[in-house]
Amino acid sequence: MAKTYVVAGTDTDVGKTLISAALLVAAHRRGMSTQGMKPLASGSAETGQGLRNADALLLQAHSSIALEYDEVNPLVFAPAIAPHIAARQSGQRLDAARIAGFCRGALLKKTDFTVIEGVGGWRVPLNERETFADVVHALDVPVILVVGMRLGCVSHALLTVEAIQRDGLTIAGWVANRIDAGMSCFDENLATLQGWLDVPLLGVVPRLSEASPSLAADCLDVEVLL
């Protein structure tokens, strides 16, 4: 049975892309066909083929099926700023239904395992009324939460989980990603989160010398997802 998940984060720069790619690797190791999507991205470089976002390229590279770039990342903007501002500066308006439509189109491929990476934190605005959470609500798929392990992460994680559940969505699991190698009382903070979050811990990813999805996949237990 095909599985689809949205990967959300407690904030920006918490490792959503690394964990999304690692999930693709882990599922493929178990014999599943995989595809990754980042439907909305800001912060991209101009190339001979058009704008390209590094995170989207990583997901494309770690999908087991061949995907055109536009299938992975249909909405891309150059400046590394909030996407609703980047869209406005380019004369566009983001719309949750349209973004969800792009995702549904990708799901027609009937891939075994699909990861849709969100943007920023849970309540990143798309326009004056909608946030990316509205895209997830429209898709009605489970969420995998990436917690960036650093000072303040406990409150961020609890607030994000509360918001996701209040939106009527299911959290399939969470990943502790150690983005601050020098975080004080790491074990104690991890234990606190495990005590408060009543969802499966899929793995603890240490601070890696290189952002390798393969190494991160070694730290994940995805059986509960499959």
N, C-alpha and C. Protein backbone atom coordinates (compact mmCIF):
# COMPACT_ATOMS: atom_id res chain seq x y z
N MET A 1 0.84 -1.20 0.00
CA MET A 1 0.00 0.00 0.00
C MET A 1 0.87 1.24 0.00
N ALA A 2 0.58 2.20 -0.88
CA ALA A 2 1.38 3.40 -1.01
C ALA A 2 1.30 4.23 0.27
N LYS A 3 2.43 4.81 0.65
CA LYS A 3 2.52 5.64 1.84
C LYS A 3 2.97 7.04 1.45
N THR A 4 2.30 8.04 2.00
CA THR A 4 2.66 9.44 1.75
C THR A 4 2.72 10.17 3.07
N TYR A 5 3.77 10.96 3.24
CA TYR A 5 3.96 11.73 4.46
C TYR A 5 4.42 13.15 4.12
N VAL A 6 4.00 14.10 4.95
CA VAL A 6 4.53 15.45 4.89
C VAL A 6 5.56 15.59 6.00
N VAL A 7 6.73 16.09 5.66
CA VAL A 7 7.77 16.33 6.66
C VAL A 7 7.72 17.80 7.05
N ALA A 8 7.42 18.04 8.31
CA ALA A 8 7.34 19.40 8.85
C ALA A 8 8.47 19.60 9.85
N GLY A 9 8.75 20.86 10.16
CA GLY A 9 9.81 21.16 11.11
C GLY A 9 9.34 22.09 12.20
N THR A 10 10.07 22.09 13.31
CA THR A 10 9.76 23.00 14.40
C THR A 10 10.17 24.43 14.06
N ASP A 11 10.96 24.61 13.02
CA ASP A 11 11.44 25.93 12.61
C ASP A 11 12.13 25.77 11.26
N THR A 12 12.66 26.85 10.75
CA THR A 12 13.48 26.74 9.55
C THR A 12 14.88 26.27 9.94
N ASP A 13 15.59 25.67 9.00
CA ASP A 13 16.96 25.19 9.23
C ASP A 13 17.07 24.18 10.37
N VAL A 14 16.12 23.27 10.45
CA VAL A 14 16.21 22.21 11.46
C VAL A 14 16.54 20.86 10.83
N GLY A 15 16.73 20.83 9.51
CA GLY A 15 17.13 19.59 8.85
C GLY A 15 16.01 18.83 8.18
N LYS A 16 14.95 19.53 7.78
CA LYS A 16 13.83 18.84 7.12
C LYS A 16 14.29 18.14 5.85
N THR A 17 15.14 18.79 5.07
CA THR A 17 15.56 18.20 3.80
C THR A 17 16.42 16.97 4.02
N LEU A 18 17.37 17.07 4.95
CA LEU A 18 18.22 15.92 5.26
C LEU A 18 17.38 14.73 5.70
N ILE A 19 16.44 14.96 6.60
CA ILE A 19 15.61 13.86 7.10
C ILE A 19 14.67 13.35 6.01
N SER A 20 14.14 14.24 5.18
CA SER A 20 13.27 13.80 4.08
C SER A 20 14.03 12.87 3.14
N ALA A 21 15.25 13.27 2.77
CA ALA A 21 16.06 12.43 1.88
C ALA A 21 16.44 11.13 2.57
N ALA A 22 16.72 11.20 3.87
CA ALA A 22 17.08 9.99 4.61
C ALA A 22 15.90 9.02 4.67
N LEU A 23 14.69 9.54 4.81
CA LEU A 23 13.51 8.68 4.78
C LEU A 23 13.36 7.98 3.43
N LEU A 24 13.66 8.70 2.35
CA LEU A 24 13.61 8.09 1.02
C LEU A 24 14.63 6.96 0.92
N VAL A 25 15.83 7.20 1.43
CA VAL A 25 16.88 6.17 1.40
C VAL A 25 16.45 4.96 2.21
N ALA A 26 15.93 5.21 3.42
CA ALA A 26 15.54 4.11 4.31
C ALA A 26 14.42 3.27 3.70
N ALA A 27 13.45 3.92 3.08
CA ALA A 27 12.34 3.18 2.46
C ALA A 27 12.82 2.39 1.25
N HIS A 28 13.71 2.99 0.46
CA HIS A 28 14.22 2.30 -0.73
C HIS A 28 15.05 1.08 -0.33
N ARG A 29 15.77 1.17 0.76
CA ARG A 29 16.54 0.02 1.26
C ARG A 29 15.63 -1.16 1.56
N ARG A 30 14.37 -0.87 1.84
CA ARG A 30 13.40 -1.91 2.15
C ARG A 30 12.60 -2.32 0.92
N GLY A 31 13.11 -1.97 -0.25
CA GLY A 31 12.53 -2.44 -1.50
C GLY A 31 11.39 -1.61 -2.05
N MET A 32 11.19 -0.40 -1.51
CA MET A 32 10.07 0.43 -1.95
C MET A 32 10.53 1.44 -2.99
N SER A 33 9.67 1.73 -3.96
CA SER A 33 9.94 2.84 -4.88
C SER A 33 9.61 4.13 -4.15
N THR A 34 10.42 5.16 -4.38
CA THR A 34 10.29 6.38 -3.59
C THR A 34 10.33 7.62 -4.47
N GLN A 35 9.68 8.67 -3.97
CA GLN A 35 9.80 9.98 -4.61
C GLN A 35 9.70 11.06 -3.54
N GLY A 36 10.47 12.12 -3.74
CA GLY A 36 10.45 13.25 -2.83
C GLY A 36 9.96 14.49 -3.54
N MET A 37 9.23 15.31 -2.80
CA MET A 37 8.72 16.58 -3.34
C MET A 37 9.04 17.71 -2.37
N LYS A 38 9.32 18.87 -2.93
CA LYS A 38 9.37 20.12 -2.17
C LYS A 38 8.57 21.11 -3.00
N PRO A 39 7.25 21.10 -2.84
CA PRO A 39 6.40 21.86 -3.77
C PRO A 39 6.65 23.36 -3.78
N LEU A 40 7.18 23.89 -2.67
CA LEU A 40 7.41 25.32 -2.56
C LEU A 40 8.79 25.57 -1.98
N ALA A 41 9.60 26.39 -2.67
CA ALA A 41 10.95 26.67 -2.19
C ALA A 41 11.34 28.10 -2.53
N SER A 42 11.99 28.74 -1.59
CA SER A 42 12.62 30.04 -1.86
C SER A 42 14.08 29.92 -1.47
N GLY A 43 14.92 30.69 -2.15
CA GLY A 43 16.35 30.56 -1.97
C GLY A 43 16.91 29.62 -3.01
N SER A 44 17.09 30.14 -4.24
CA SER A 44 17.45 29.28 -5.37
C SER A 44 18.45 30.00 -6.27
N ALA A 45 19.17 29.22 -7.06
CA ALA A 45 20.18 29.76 -7.97
C ALA A 45 19.71 29.65 -9.41
N GLU A 46 20.05 30.63 -10.21
CA GLU A 46 19.72 30.62 -11.63
C GLU A 46 20.70 29.71 -12.35
N THR A 47 20.18 28.79 -13.15
CA THR A 47 21.02 27.88 -13.94
C THR A 47 20.55 27.94 -15.40
N GLY A 48 21.23 27.19 -16.24
CA GLY A 48 20.82 27.14 -17.64
C GLY A 48 19.46 26.52 -17.84
N GLN A 49 19.00 25.77 -16.84
CA GLN A 49 17.68 25.13 -16.90
C GLN A 49 16.62 25.91 -16.13
N GLY A 50 17.00 27.05 -15.56
CA GLY A 50 16.07 27.84 -14.76
C GLY A 50 16.48 27.83 -13.29
N LEU A 51 15.62 28.34 -12.43
CA LEU A 51 15.91 28.37 -11.01
C LEU A 51 15.97 26.95 -10.44
N ARG A 52 16.97 26.73 -9.60
CA ARG A 52 17.11 25.43 -8.97
C ARG A 52 17.40 25.62 -7.48
N ASN A 53 16.64 24.91 -6.65
CA ASN A 53 16.79 24.95 -5.21
C ASN A 53 17.59 23.74 -4.75
N ALA A 54 18.59 23.97 -3.92
CA ALA A 54 19.49 22.88 -3.51
C ALA A 54 18.75 21.77 -2.77
N ASP A 55 17.79 22.14 -1.93
CA ASP A 55 17.03 21.13 -1.18
C ASP A 55 16.22 20.25 -2.13
N ALA A 56 15.57 20.87 -3.10
CA ALA A 56 14.78 20.12 -4.06
C ALA A 56 15.66 19.19 -4.88
N LEU A 57 16.85 19.66 -5.24
CA LEU A 57 17.78 18.82 -6.01
C LEU A 57 18.21 17.60 -5.20
N LEU A 58 18.37 17.77 -3.89
CA LEU A 58 18.74 16.64 -3.04
C LEU A 58 17.63 15.60 -3.02
N LEU A 59 16.39 16.06 -2.92
CA LEU A 59 15.26 15.12 -2.93
C LEU A 59 15.14 14.43 -4.29
N GLN A 60 15.37 15.17 -5.36
CA GLN A 60 15.33 14.58 -6.69
C GLN A 60 16.40 13.49 -6.82
N ALA A 61 17.58 13.77 -6.31
CA ALA A 61 18.69 12.83 -6.42
C ALA A 61 18.46 11.56 -5.62
N HIS A 62 17.69 11.64 -4.53
CA HIS A 62 17.48 10.49 -3.67
C HIS A 62 16.11 9.83 -3.86
N SER A 63 15.39 10.23 -4.90
CA SER A 63 14.17 9.53 -5.29
C SER A 63 14.55 8.36 -6.17
N SER A 64 13.93 7.22 -5.94
CA SER A 64 14.32 6.04 -6.72
C SER A 64 13.73 6.05 -8.13
N ILE A 65 12.65 6.81 -8.33
CA ILE A 65 12.08 6.91 -9.68
C ILE A 65 12.59 8.20 -10.32
N ALA A 66 12.65 8.20 -11.63
CA ALA A 66 13.14 9.38 -12.36
C ALA A 66 12.08 10.48 -12.33
N LEU A 67 12.48 11.66 -11.90
CA LEU A 67 11.57 12.79 -11.80
C LEU A 67 12.17 14.02 -12.48
N GLU A 68 11.34 14.74 -13.22
CA GLU A 68 11.77 16.04 -13.72
C GLU A 68 11.81 17.02 -12.55
N TYR A 69 12.67 18.04 -12.68
CA TYR A 69 12.79 18.99 -11.57
C TYR A 69 11.45 19.64 -11.24
N ASP A 70 10.69 19.99 -12.26
CA ASP A 70 9.40 20.66 -12.03
C ASP A 70 8.41 19.77 -11.29
N GLU A 71 8.59 18.46 -11.36
CA GLU A 71 7.73 17.55 -10.62
C GLU A 71 8.08 17.55 -9.13
N VAL A 72 9.35 17.78 -8.84
CA VAL A 72 9.80 17.83 -7.45
C VAL A 72 9.48 19.19 -6.83
N ASN A 73 9.75 20.24 -7.60
CA ASN A 73 9.64 21.60 -7.06
C ASN A 73 8.95 22.52 -8.08
N PRO A 74 7.62 22.49 -8.11
CA PRO A 74 6.89 23.29 -9.11
C PRO A 74 6.89 24.79 -8.84
N LEU A 75 7.04 25.20 -7.58
CA LEU A 75 7.03 26.62 -7.24
C LEU A 75 8.36 26.98 -6.59
N VAL A 76 9.16 27.78 -7.30
CA VAL A 76 10.51 28.10 -6.82
C VAL A 76 10.77 29.59 -7.01
N PHE A 77 11.41 30.20 -6.00
CA PHE A 77 11.71 31.62 -6.03
C PHE A 77 13.17 31.83 -5.68
N ALA A 78 13.77 32.88 -6.22
CA ALA A 78 15.20 33.11 -6.05
C ALA A 78 15.60 33.59 -4.66
N PRO A 79 15.00 34.64 -4.11
CA PRO A 79 15.50 35.16 -2.84
C PRO A 79 15.22 34.22 -1.68
N ALA A 80 16.17 34.14 -0.76
CA ALA A 80 16.03 33.28 0.42
C ALA A 80 15.27 34.04 1.51
N ILE A 81 13.99 34.25 1.25
CA ILE A 81 13.12 34.97 2.17
C ILE A 81 11.82 34.19 2.32
N ALA A 82 10.94 34.66 3.19
CA ALA A 82 9.66 33.99 3.38
C ALA A 82 8.97 33.82 2.03
N PRO A 83 8.43 32.63 1.74
CA PRO A 83 7.92 32.36 0.39
C PRO A 83 6.77 33.27 -0.04
N HIS A 84 5.90 33.67 0.91
CA HIS A 84 4.80 34.55 0.50
C HIS A 84 5.32 35.93 0.07
N ILE A 85 6.43 36.37 0.69
CA ILE A 85 7.03 37.64 0.30
C ILE A 85 7.75 37.48 -1.03
N ALA A 86 8.46 36.36 -1.20
CA ALA A 86 9.15 36.10 -2.48
C ALA A 86 8.15 36.03 -3.62
N ALA A 87 7.02 35.37 -3.38
CA ALA A 87 5.99 35.27 -4.42
C ALA A 87 5.44 36.65 -4.76
N ARG A 88 5.16 37.45 -3.74
CA ARG A 88 4.61 38.78 -3.97
C ARG A 88 5.59 39.64 -4.77
N GLN A 89 6.87 39.53 -4.45
CA GLN A 89 7.88 40.32 -5.17
C GLN A 89 7.96 39.92 -6.65
N SER A 90 7.61 38.67 -6.94
CA SER A 90 7.66 38.21 -8.33
C SER A 90 6.30 38.35 -9.02
N GLY A 91 5.34 38.97 -8.35
CA GLY A 91 4.03 39.20 -8.96
C GLY A 91 3.11 38.02 -8.90
N GLN A 92 3.37 37.09 -7.99
CA GLN A 92 2.52 35.90 -7.87
C GLN A 92 1.82 35.88 -6.51
N ARG A 93 0.82 35.04 -6.40
CA ARG A 93 0.12 34.84 -5.14
C ARG A 93 0.03 33.35 -4.88
N LEU A 94 0.53 32.92 -3.75
CA LEU A 94 0.48 31.50 -3.40
C LEU A 94 -0.91 31.12 -2.96
N ASP A 95 -1.27 29.87 -3.25
CA ASP A 95 -2.62 29.38 -2.96
C ASP A 95 -2.52 27.94 -2.50
N ALA A 96 -3.09 27.63 -1.34
CA ALA A 96 -2.98 26.29 -0.77
C ALA A 96 -3.57 25.22 -1.67
N ALA A 97 -4.72 25.50 -2.28
CA ALA A 97 -5.37 24.50 -3.14
C ALA A 97 -4.51 24.18 -4.35
N ARG A 98 -3.85 25.20 -4.90
CA ARG A 98 -3.00 24.98 -6.07
C ARG A 98 -1.78 24.14 -5.70
N ILE A 99 -1.18 24.44 -4.56
CA ILE A 99 -0.01 23.67 -4.12
C ILE A 99 -0.42 22.22 -3.84
N ALA A 100 -1.55 22.03 -3.18
CA ALA A 100 -2.05 20.67 -2.93
C ALA A 100 -2.31 19.95 -4.25
N GLY A 101 -2.77 20.68 -5.25
CA GLY A 101 -3.02 20.08 -6.56
C GLY A 101 -1.75 19.57 -7.20
N PHE A 102 -0.65 20.33 -7.07
CA PHE A 102 0.64 19.86 -7.58
C PHE A 102 1.02 18.54 -6.90
N CYS A 103 0.81 18.47 -5.61
CA CYS A 103 1.17 17.26 -4.86
C CYS A 103 0.32 16.08 -5.31
N ARG A 104 -0.97 16.31 -5.49
CA ARG A 104 -1.85 15.22 -5.93
C ARG A 104 -1.44 14.72 -7.31
N GLY A 105 -0.99 15.63 -8.16
CA GLY A 105 -0.52 15.21 -9.48
C GLY A 105 0.68 14.28 -9.37
N ALA A 106 1.59 14.59 -8.46
CA ALA A 106 2.76 13.73 -8.26
C ALA A 106 2.36 12.36 -7.72
N LEU A 107 1.32 12.35 -6.89
CA LEU A 107 0.89 11.08 -6.28
C LEU A 107 0.24 10.14 -7.29
N LEU A 108 -0.10 10.64 -8.47
CA LEU A 108 -0.68 9.78 -9.50
C LEU A 108 0.33 8.75 -10.01
N LYS A 109 1.61 8.96 -9.70
CA LYS A 109 2.64 8.01 -10.14
C LYS A 109 2.55 6.68 -9.40
N LYS A 110 1.76 6.63 -8.34
CA LYS A 110 1.57 5.38 -7.59
C LYS A 110 2.88 4.83 -7.03
N THR A 111 3.74 5.72 -6.60
CA THR A 111 4.99 5.31 -5.96
C THR A 111 4.69 4.71 -4.58
N ASP A 112 5.52 3.77 -4.14
CA ASP A 112 5.28 3.11 -2.85
C ASP A 112 5.39 4.08 -1.67
N PHE A 113 6.35 4.99 -1.74
CA PHE A 113 6.66 5.85 -0.59
C PHE A 113 6.98 7.25 -1.07
N THR A 114 6.17 8.21 -0.64
CA THR A 114 6.35 9.60 -1.06
C THR A 114 6.53 10.49 0.15
N VAL A 115 7.51 11.37 0.07
CA VAL A 115 7.76 12.37 1.10
C VAL A 115 7.55 13.75 0.50
N ILE A 116 6.72 14.56 1.14
CA ILE A 116 6.48 15.94 0.72
C ILE A 116 7.06 16.84 1.79
N GLU A 117 8.13 17.54 1.45
CA GLU A 117 8.77 18.41 2.44
C GLU A 117 8.06 19.76 2.50
N GLY A 118 7.73 20.17 3.72
CA GLY A 118 7.12 21.47 3.93
C GLY A 118 8.13 22.59 3.83
N VAL A 119 7.72 23.76 4.25
CA VAL A 119 8.58 24.93 4.17
C VAL A 119 8.59 25.62 5.53
N GLY A 120 9.79 25.90 6.06
CA GLY A 120 9.89 26.58 7.34
C GLY A 120 9.23 25.80 8.46
N GLY A 121 8.53 26.53 9.35
CA GLY A 121 7.78 25.91 10.43
C GLY A 121 6.35 25.62 10.01
N TRP A 122 5.52 25.23 10.97
CA TRP A 122 4.17 24.78 10.66
C TRP A 122 3.28 25.88 10.14
N ARG A 123 3.43 27.09 10.64
CA ARG A 123 2.52 28.18 10.29
C ARG A 123 3.13 29.20 9.32
N VAL A 124 3.96 28.74 8.42
CA VAL A 124 4.53 29.66 7.43
C VAL A 124 3.42 30.17 6.51
N PRO A 125 3.25 31.50 6.41
CA PRO A 125 2.16 32.05 5.59
C PRO A 125 2.35 31.78 4.10
N LEU A 126 1.23 31.57 3.42
CA LEU A 126 1.21 31.51 1.95
C LEU A 126 0.65 32.81 1.38
N ASN A 127 -0.31 33.36 2.06
CA ASN A 127 -0.94 34.61 1.66
C ASN A 127 -1.53 35.24 2.93
N GLU A 128 -2.44 36.19 2.77
CA GLU A 128 -2.97 36.89 3.95
C GLU A 128 -3.92 36.03 4.78
N ARG A 129 -4.30 34.86 4.28
CA ARG A 129 -5.28 34.03 5.00
C ARG A 129 -4.82 32.59 5.21
N GLU A 130 -3.92 32.09 4.40
CA GLU A 130 -3.56 30.68 4.45
C GLU A 130 -2.09 30.50 4.85
N THR A 131 -1.83 29.34 5.46
CA THR A 131 -0.45 28.93 5.76
C THR A 131 -0.20 27.58 5.08
N PHE A 132 1.06 27.12 5.15
CA PHE A 132 1.36 25.83 4.54
C PHE A 132 0.58 24.71 5.22
N ALA A 133 0.16 24.94 6.46
CA ALA A 133 -0.66 23.94 7.15
C ALA A 133 -1.95 23.65 6.39
N ASP A 134 -2.45 24.65 5.67
CA ASP A 134 -3.66 24.44 4.88
C ASP A 134 -3.42 23.48 3.72
N VAL A 135 -2.20 23.45 3.21
CA VAL A 135 -1.85 22.49 2.16
C VAL A 135 -1.91 21.08 2.72
N VAL A 136 -1.32 20.89 3.90
CA VAL A 136 -1.31 19.57 4.53
C VAL A 136 -2.73 19.13 4.86
N HIS A 137 -3.52 20.07 5.34
CA HIS A 137 -4.92 19.75 5.67
C HIS A 137 -5.68 19.32 4.41
N ALA A 138 -5.42 20.00 3.30
CA ALA A 138 -6.10 19.64 2.05
C ALA A 138 -5.68 18.25 1.57
N LEU A 139 -4.42 17.90 1.78
CA LEU A 139 -3.93 16.58 1.37
C LEU A 139 -4.38 15.49 2.34
N ASP A 140 -4.54 15.86 3.62
CA ASP A 140 -4.98 14.94 4.67
C ASP A 140 -4.08 13.71 4.73
N VAL A 141 -2.77 13.95 4.89
CA VAL A 141 -1.81 12.86 5.04
C VAL A 141 -1.08 13.04 6.36
N PRO A 142 -0.51 11.96 6.90
CA PRO A 142 0.20 12.06 8.18
C PRO A 142 1.45 12.93 8.09
N VAL A 143 1.84 13.43 9.24
CA VAL A 143 2.99 14.33 9.34
C VAL A 143 4.13 13.65 10.09
N ILE A 144 5.34 13.85 9.59
CA ILE A 144 6.56 13.47 10.33
C ILE A 144 7.21 14.77 10.76
N LEU A 145 7.45 14.92 12.05
CA LEU A 145 7.98 16.16 12.59
C LEU A 145 9.48 16.04 12.85
N VAL A 146 10.23 16.98 12.31
CA VAL A 146 11.67 17.07 12.57
C VAL A 146 11.89 18.12 13.65
N VAL A 147 12.46 17.69 14.76
CA VAL A 147 12.77 18.60 15.86
C VAL A 147 14.26 18.92 15.80
N GLY A 148 14.57 20.17 15.57
CA GLY A 148 15.97 20.60 15.57
C GLY A 148 16.44 20.72 17.01
N MET A 149 17.34 19.82 17.42
CA MET A 149 17.76 19.77 18.82
C MET A 149 18.75 20.89 19.11
N ARG A 150 18.21 21.92 19.75
CA ARG A 150 19.00 23.06 20.19
C ARG A 150 18.23 23.73 21.33
N LEU A 151 18.84 24.71 21.97
CA LEU A 151 18.19 25.41 23.07
C LEU A 151 16.84 25.97 22.62
N GLY A 152 15.79 25.67 23.37
CA GLY A 152 14.45 26.14 23.04
C GLY A 152 13.61 25.15 22.27
N CYS A 153 14.21 23.99 21.91
CA CYS A 153 13.50 23.05 21.04
C CYS A 153 12.31 22.38 21.72
N VAL A 154 12.34 22.26 23.05
CA VAL A 154 11.24 21.58 23.72
C VAL A 154 9.94 22.36 23.55
N SER A 155 9.98 23.65 23.81
CA SER A 155 8.78 24.47 23.64
C SER A 155 8.34 24.50 22.18
N HIS A 156 9.28 24.66 21.26
CA HIS A 156 8.94 24.68 19.84
C HIS A 156 8.26 23.38 19.42
N ALA A 157 8.79 22.25 19.91
CA ALA A 157 8.23 20.95 19.54
C ALA A 157 6.83 20.78 20.11
N LEU A 158 6.64 21.14 21.38
CA LEU A 158 5.32 20.96 21.99
C LEU A 158 4.28 21.86 21.33
N LEU A 159 4.65 23.09 21.02
CA LEU A 159 3.71 24.00 20.36
C LEU A 159 3.36 23.50 18.96
N THR A 160 4.36 22.97 18.24
CA THR A 160 4.11 22.49 16.88
C THR A 160 3.21 21.26 16.90
N VAL A 161 3.47 20.33 17.81
CA VAL A 161 2.63 19.15 17.93
C VAL A 161 1.20 19.55 18.28
N GLU A 162 1.06 20.48 19.20
CA GLU A 162 -0.27 20.96 19.58
C GLU A 162 -1.00 21.54 18.37
N ALA A 163 -0.29 22.33 17.56
CA ALA A 163 -0.92 22.95 16.39
C ALA A 163 -1.32 21.91 15.36
N ILE A 164 -0.45 20.94 15.11
CA ILE A 164 -0.75 19.90 14.12
C ILE A 164 -1.98 19.10 14.54
N GLN A 165 -2.01 18.70 15.79
CA GLN A 165 -3.13 17.91 16.27
C GLN A 165 -4.41 18.73 16.33
N ARG A 166 -4.30 20.01 16.67
CA ARG A 166 -5.48 20.88 16.69
C ARG A 166 -6.04 21.06 15.28
N ASP A 167 -5.17 20.96 14.28
CA ASP A 167 -5.61 21.04 12.89
C ASP A 167 -6.26 19.74 12.42
N GLY A 168 -6.35 18.76 13.29
CA GLY A 168 -7.02 17.50 12.95
C GLY A 168 -6.17 16.53 12.17
N LEU A 169 -4.84 16.70 12.23
CA LEU A 169 -3.94 15.85 11.46
C LEU A 169 -3.21 14.87 12.38
N THR A 170 -2.73 13.80 11.78
CA THR A 170 -2.04 12.74 12.51
C THR A 170 -0.54 12.93 12.41
N ILE A 171 0.15 12.77 13.52
CA ILE A 171 1.61 12.77 13.51
C ILE A 171 2.08 11.33 13.54
N ALA A 172 2.72 10.91 12.47
CA ALA A 172 3.15 9.51 12.35
C ALA A 172 4.39 9.23 13.18
N GLY A 173 5.19 10.25 13.45
CA GLY A 173 6.42 10.07 14.20
C GLY A 173 7.24 11.35 14.19
N TRP A 174 8.29 11.35 14.98
CA TRP A 174 9.18 12.52 15.00
C TRP A 174 10.62 12.07 15.00
N VAL A 175 11.48 12.98 14.55
CA VAL A 175 12.92 12.71 14.48
C VAL A 175 13.64 13.80 15.25
N ALA A 176 14.55 13.40 16.13
CA ALA A 176 15.40 14.34 16.84
C ALA A 176 16.68 14.53 16.02
N ASN A 177 16.85 15.72 15.47
CA ASN A 177 18.00 16.01 14.63
C ASN A 177 18.93 16.98 15.37
N ARG A 178 20.10 16.51 15.70
CA ARG A 178 21.02 17.30 16.52
C ARG A 178 21.73 18.34 15.66
N ILE A 179 21.12 19.50 15.53
CA ILE A 179 21.70 20.56 14.70
C ILE A 179 22.74 21.38 15.46
N ASP A 180 22.72 21.31 16.78
CA ASP A 180 23.71 22.00 17.62
C ASP A 180 24.51 20.95 18.37
N ALA A 181 25.73 20.70 17.87
CA ALA A 181 26.56 19.65 18.48
C ALA A 181 26.92 19.98 19.92
N GLY A 182 26.92 21.27 20.27
CA GLY A 182 27.29 21.68 21.62
C GLY A 182 26.11 21.90 22.53
N MET A 183 24.94 21.42 22.16
CA MET A 183 23.75 21.63 22.99
C MET A 183 23.95 21.08 24.40
N SER A 184 23.70 21.93 25.40
CA SER A 184 23.83 21.49 26.78
C SER A 184 22.68 20.55 27.16
N CYS A 185 22.98 19.56 27.97
CA CYS A 185 21.97 18.63 28.50
C CYS A 185 21.15 17.98 27.39
N PHE A 186 21.85 17.52 26.34
CA PHE A 186 21.16 16.93 25.20
C PHE A 186 20.30 15.74 25.64
N ASP A 187 20.88 14.83 26.40
CA ASP A 187 20.15 13.62 26.80
C ASP A 187 18.92 13.97 27.63
N GLU A 188 19.06 14.96 28.52
CA GLU A 188 17.93 15.36 29.35
C GLU A 188 16.81 15.98 28.51
N ASN A 189 17.19 16.80 27.53
CA ASN A 189 16.18 17.40 26.66
C ASN A 189 15.49 16.35 25.80
N LEU A 190 16.26 15.38 25.32
CA LEU A 190 15.68 14.30 24.53
C LEU A 190 14.69 13.50 25.37
N ALA A 191 15.07 13.21 26.61
CA ALA A 191 14.18 12.46 27.50
C ALA A 191 12.92 13.25 27.81
N THR A 192 13.05 14.56 27.95
CA THR A 192 11.88 15.40 28.19
C THR A 192 10.92 15.33 27.01
N LEU A 193 11.45 15.42 25.81
CA LEU A 193 10.60 15.34 24.62
C LEU A 193 9.94 13.98 24.51
N GLN A 194 10.69 12.92 24.79
CA GLN A 194 10.10 11.58 24.72
C GLN A 194 8.97 11.43 25.74
N GLY A 195 9.10 12.09 26.87
CA GLY A 195 8.06 12.00 27.87
C GLY A 195 6.81 12.79 27.50
N TRP A 196 6.98 13.87 26.78
CA TRP A 196 5.85 14.74 26.44
C TRP A 196 5.19 14.39 25.11
N LEU A 197 5.97 13.88 24.16
CA LEU A 197 5.42 13.62 22.83
C LEU A 197 4.91 12.19 22.74
N ASP A 198 3.63 12.05 22.64
CA ASP A 198 3.01 10.73 22.60
C ASP A 198 2.90 10.21 21.17
N VAL A 199 4.03 10.28 20.46
CA VAL A 199 4.12 9.76 19.09
C VAL A 199 5.46 9.05 18.96
N PRO A 200 5.60 8.11 18.01
CA PRO A 200 6.83 7.34 17.92
C PRO A 200 8.06 8.20 17.58
N LEU A 201 9.15 7.92 18.27
CA LEU A 201 10.44 8.51 17.92
C LEU A 201 11.08 7.63 16.85
N LEU A 202 11.24 8.19 15.66
CA LEU A 202 11.77 7.42 14.53
C LEU A 202 13.28 7.32 14.54
N GLY A 203 13.92 8.19 15.29
CA GLY A 203 15.37 8.12 15.37
C GLY A 203 15.99 9.40 15.88
N VAL A 204 17.23 9.27 16.30
CA VAL A 204 18.03 10.41 16.75
C VAL A 204 19.22 10.52 15.80
N VAL A 205 19.29 11.62 15.07
CA VAL A 205 20.35 11.83 14.10
C VAL A 205 21.40 12.75 14.72
N PRO A 206 22.64 12.27 14.86
CA PRO A 206 23.68 13.11 15.46
C PRO A 206 24.12 14.21 14.50
N ARG A 207 24.89 15.14 15.02
CA ARG A 207 25.46 16.16 14.15
C ARG A 207 26.47 15.48 13.23
N LEU A 208 26.20 15.49 11.93
CA LEU A 208 27.04 14.79 10.96
C LEU A 208 28.08 15.75 10.38
N SER A 209 29.27 15.23 10.12
CA SER A 209 30.32 16.07 9.53
C SER A 209 29.93 16.50 8.12
N GLU A 210 29.13 15.68 7.44
CA GLU A 210 28.54 16.05 6.16
C GLU A 210 27.08 15.65 6.17
N ALA A 211 26.26 16.45 5.51
CA ALA A 211 24.81 16.20 5.52
C ALA A 211 24.50 15.05 4.57
N SER A 212 24.77 13.84 5.01
CA SER A 212 24.61 12.65 4.18
C SER A 212 23.29 11.96 4.48
N PRO A 213 22.35 11.93 3.53
CA PRO A 213 21.10 11.20 3.75
C PRO A 213 21.32 9.73 4.05
N SER A 214 22.36 9.13 3.47
CA SER A 214 22.63 7.72 3.72
C SER A 214 23.03 7.49 5.17
N LEU A 215 23.90 8.35 5.70
CA LEU A 215 24.30 8.22 7.11
C LEU A 215 23.13 8.50 8.04
N ALA A 216 22.33 9.51 7.69
CA ALA A 216 21.15 9.83 8.52
C ALA A 216 20.16 8.68 8.50
N ALA A 217 20.01 8.01 7.34
CA ALA A 217 19.09 6.88 7.23
C ALA A 217 19.48 5.75 8.16
N ASP A 218 20.79 5.60 8.42
CA ASP A 218 21.25 4.56 9.34
C ASP A 218 20.69 4.76 10.75
N CYS A 219 20.29 5.99 11.06
CA CYS A 219 19.82 6.33 12.40
C CYS A 219 18.31 6.25 12.54
N LEU A 220 17.62 5.94 11.45
CA LEU A 220 16.16 5.95 11.46
C LEU A 220 15.57 4.54 11.46
N ASP A 221 14.48 4.39 12.19
CA ASP A 221 13.71 3.15 12.18
C ASP A 221 12.35 3.49 11.56
N VAL A 222 12.16 3.11 10.30
CA VAL A 222 10.96 3.51 9.58
C VAL A 222 9.91 2.40 9.52
N GLU A 223 10.12 1.31 10.26
CA GLU A 223 9.19 0.21 10.18
C GLU A 223 7.76 0.63 10.53
N VAL A 224 7.62 1.52 11.51
CA VAL A 224 6.29 1.96 11.92
C VAL A 224 5.60 2.73 10.80
N LEU A 225 6.37 3.31 9.90
CA LEU A 225 5.81 4.05 8.77
C LEU A 225 5.36 3.13 7.65
N LEU A 226 5.99 1.98 7.53
CA LEU A 226 5.77 1.10 6.40
C LEU A 226 4.72 0.03 6.68
